[in-house]
Amino acid sequence: MKKSKFTEGQIIKALKENEEGRKVGDISCEMGIDTSTFYYWRKKYGGAWRLPT
């Protein structure tokens, strides 16, 4: 399996930025990924950074 060039920390940071209101297209362009990759990350890591209250 191919190793990702992004760490989990980078992925989670991008997901947080999107949750705070930044557009998926802007984040994807900056990271050099396709928008479908971003949505895959959101599906895979969604909620991983949220702490229970």
Protein backbone atom coordinates (compact mmCIF):
# COMPACT_ATOMS: atom_id res chain seq x y z
CA MET A 1 0.00 0.00 0.00
CA LYS A 2 1.29 3.46 -0.90
CA LYS A 3 2.35 5.61 2.04
CA SER A 4 0.58 8.96 2.34
CA LYS A 5 2.70 12.07 1.96
CA PHE A 6 0.57 13.75 4.64
CA THR A 7 0.70 13.01 8.35
CA GLU A 8 -2.42 12.48 10.42
CA GLY A 9 -1.72 15.82 12.05
CA GLN A 10 -1.75 17.63 8.69
CA ILE A 11 -4.97 15.90 7.69
CA ILE A 12 -6.70 16.73 10.95
CA LYS A 13 -5.53 20.35 10.72
CA ALA A 14 -7.10 20.60 7.25
CA LEU A 15 -10.35 19.08 8.52
CA LYS A 16 -10.44 21.55 11.43
CA GLU A 17 -9.94 24.47 9.04
CA ASN A 18 -12.88 23.26 6.96
CA GLU A 19 -15.06 22.91 10.03
CA GLU A 20 -14.17 26.49 10.99
CA GLY A 21 -15.53 27.70 7.65
CA ARG A 22 -12.71 27.47 5.12
CA LYS A 23 -13.74 26.14 1.71
CA VAL A 24 -12.79 22.61 0.66
CA GLY A 25 -11.56 23.86 -2.71
CA ASP A 26 -9.16 26.33 -1.09
CA ILE A 27 -7.72 23.75 1.29
CA SER A 28 -7.39 21.13 -1.45
CA CYS A 29 -5.63 23.56 -3.78
CA GLU A 30 -3.20 24.62 -1.07
CA MET A 31 -2.35 21.02 -0.17
CA GLY A 32 -2.17 19.88 -3.79
CA ILE A 33 -4.88 17.23 -3.48
CA ASP A 34 -8.14 16.50 -5.24
CA THR A 35 -11.36 17.47 -3.47
CA SER A 36 -12.42 13.80 -3.46
CA THR A 37 -9.32 13.02 -1.38
CA PHE A 38 -10.39 15.63 1.15
CA TYR A 39 -13.88 14.11 1.39
CA TYR A 40 -12.31 10.66 1.84
CA TRP A 41 -10.24 12.03 4.72
CA ARG A 42 -13.35 13.56 6.25
CA LYS A 43 -15.09 10.19 6.05
CA LYS A 44 -12.09 8.34 7.50
CA TYR A 45 -11.01 10.82 10.19
CA GLY A 46 -14.29 12.61 10.84
CA GLY A 47 -14.61 13.34 14.53
CA ALA A 48 -11.12 12.07 15.36
CA TRP A 49 -10.05 15.46 16.70
CA ARG A 50 -13.17 16.23 18.73
CA LEU A 51 -12.89 15.77 22.47
CA PRO A 52 -15.91 14.49 24.40
CA THR A 53 -17.58 17.18 26.50
